[in-house]
Protein backbone atom coordinates (compact mmCIF):
# COMPACT_ATOMS: atom_id res chain seq x y z
CA SER A 1 -32.44 -57.94 -16.36
CA SER A 2 -28.95 -56.62 -16.40
CA HIS A 3 -27.72 -53.67 -18.56
CA PRO A 4 -25.91 -54.99 -21.74
CA GLY A 5 -23.14 -52.35 -21.55
CA VAL A 6 -22.15 -49.73 -23.89
CA TYR A 7 -22.43 -50.58 -27.51
CA TRP A 8 -18.62 -49.74 -28.12
CA ALA A 9 -17.57 -51.93 -25.31
CA PRO A 10 -20.35 -54.56 -24.60
CA ASN A 11 -18.31 -56.52 -22.24
CA LEU A 12 -17.28 -53.26 -20.14
CA LYS A 13 -19.73 -53.47 -17.21
CA PRO A 14 -19.44 -52.13 -13.60
CA SER A 15 -19.79 -55.71 -12.43
CA ASN A 16 -16.74 -56.82 -14.23
CA VAL A 17 -14.36 -53.75 -13.07
CA CYS A 18 -15.65 -52.57 -9.83
CA THR A 19 -14.94 -53.90 -6.16
CA ASN A 20 -17.90 -55.20 -4.24
CA ASP A 21 -17.79 -52.26 -2.11
CA GLU A 22 -18.25 -49.94 -5.18
CA LEU A 23 -20.99 -51.70 -6.48
CA GLN A 24 -22.83 -51.78 -3.08
CA LEU A 25 -22.21 -48.00 -2.71
CA ASN A 26 -23.85 -47.22 -6.09
CA ASP A 27 -24.03 -43.42 -5.42
CA ALA A 28 -23.93 -40.77 -8.14
CA ALA A 29 -20.38 -39.89 -7.70
CA THR A 30 -19.21 -43.37 -7.82
CA ARG A 31 -21.35 -44.00 -10.97
CA LEU A 32 -20.04 -40.77 -12.56
CA LYS A 33 -16.27 -41.83 -11.84
CA TRP A 34 -16.89 -45.10 -13.52
CA ILE A 35 -18.46 -43.55 -16.47
CA LEU A 36 -15.74 -41.01 -16.92
CA GLN A 37 -12.91 -43.39 -16.48
CA HIS A 38 -14.30 -46.57 -18.19
CA THR A 39 -16.48 -45.40 -21.19
CA MET A 40 -15.61 -41.95 -21.88
CA GLY A 41 -11.67 -42.23 -21.47
CA ALA A 42 -11.35 -39.42 -18.98
CA PRO A 43 -9.93 -41.08 -15.76
CA ARG A 44 -8.85 -37.72 -14.54
CA ALA A 45 -11.95 -35.64 -15.37
CA PHE A 46 -13.64 -36.04 -11.91
CA GLU A 47 -10.46 -34.90 -9.68
CA ASN A 48 -9.93 -32.03 -12.46
CA ARG A 49 -13.54 -30.83 -12.02
CA ARG A 50 -12.98 -30.84 -8.26
CA GLN A 51 -10.18 -28.51 -8.64
CA GLU A 52 -11.91 -26.49 -11.10
CA VAL A 53 -15.12 -26.05 -8.38
CA ALA A 54 -12.56 -25.11 -5.65
CA LEU A 55 -10.80 -22.61 -7.94
CA LEU A 56 -14.14 -21.13 -9.10
CA SER A 57 -15.43 -20.88 -5.25
CA GLY A 58 -12.28 -19.75 -3.82
CA SER A 59 -12.20 -22.62 -1.47
CA PRO A 60 -9.62 -25.33 -0.82
CA VAL A 61 -9.62 -28.41 -2.91
CA GLU A 62 -10.09 -30.61 0.21
CA SER A 63 -13.44 -28.79 1.16
CA VAL A 64 -14.97 -29.71 -2.18
CA ASP A 65 -16.84 -32.99 -1.79
CA ASP A 66 -17.87 -35.54 -4.28
CA ASN A 67 -21.57 -34.18 -4.25
CA ALA A 68 -20.50 -30.79 -5.18
CA VAL A 69 -18.26 -32.36 -8.15
CA VAL A 70 -21.51 -34.28 -9.32
CA GLU A 71 -23.64 -31.21 -8.96
CA SER A 72 -21.18 -29.41 -11.07
CA PHE A 73 -21.07 -32.01 -14.10
CA ARG A 74 -25.01 -32.06 -13.75
CA ALA A 75 -25.32 -28.24 -14.11
CA CYS A 76 -23.23 -28.15 -17.44
CA VAL A 77 -25.46 -30.70 -18.98
CA GLU A 78 -28.87 -29.40 -18.04
CA ALA A 79 -31.15 -27.92 -20.79
CA GLY A 80 -30.49 -24.18 -21.15
CA SER A 81 -26.84 -24.10 -19.50
CA ASP A 82 -24.17 -22.27 -20.93
């Protein structure tokens, strides 16, 4: 069975807008980028968060990988996070 899509845009599905490579990759970063851009109206949020993680850690932006960005988002939504 396939997911029906989000209720506010039922025709907006990853299979309708992603490349085959993106669909095959199907990792947390790719999914989060898609969600932010296509369902939350925040196409720059992932890269903005990368810059924030770099700033807070004192690291160059280039050294912050996609997994660190995903983990930063996860930490913000975990129960008990500030």
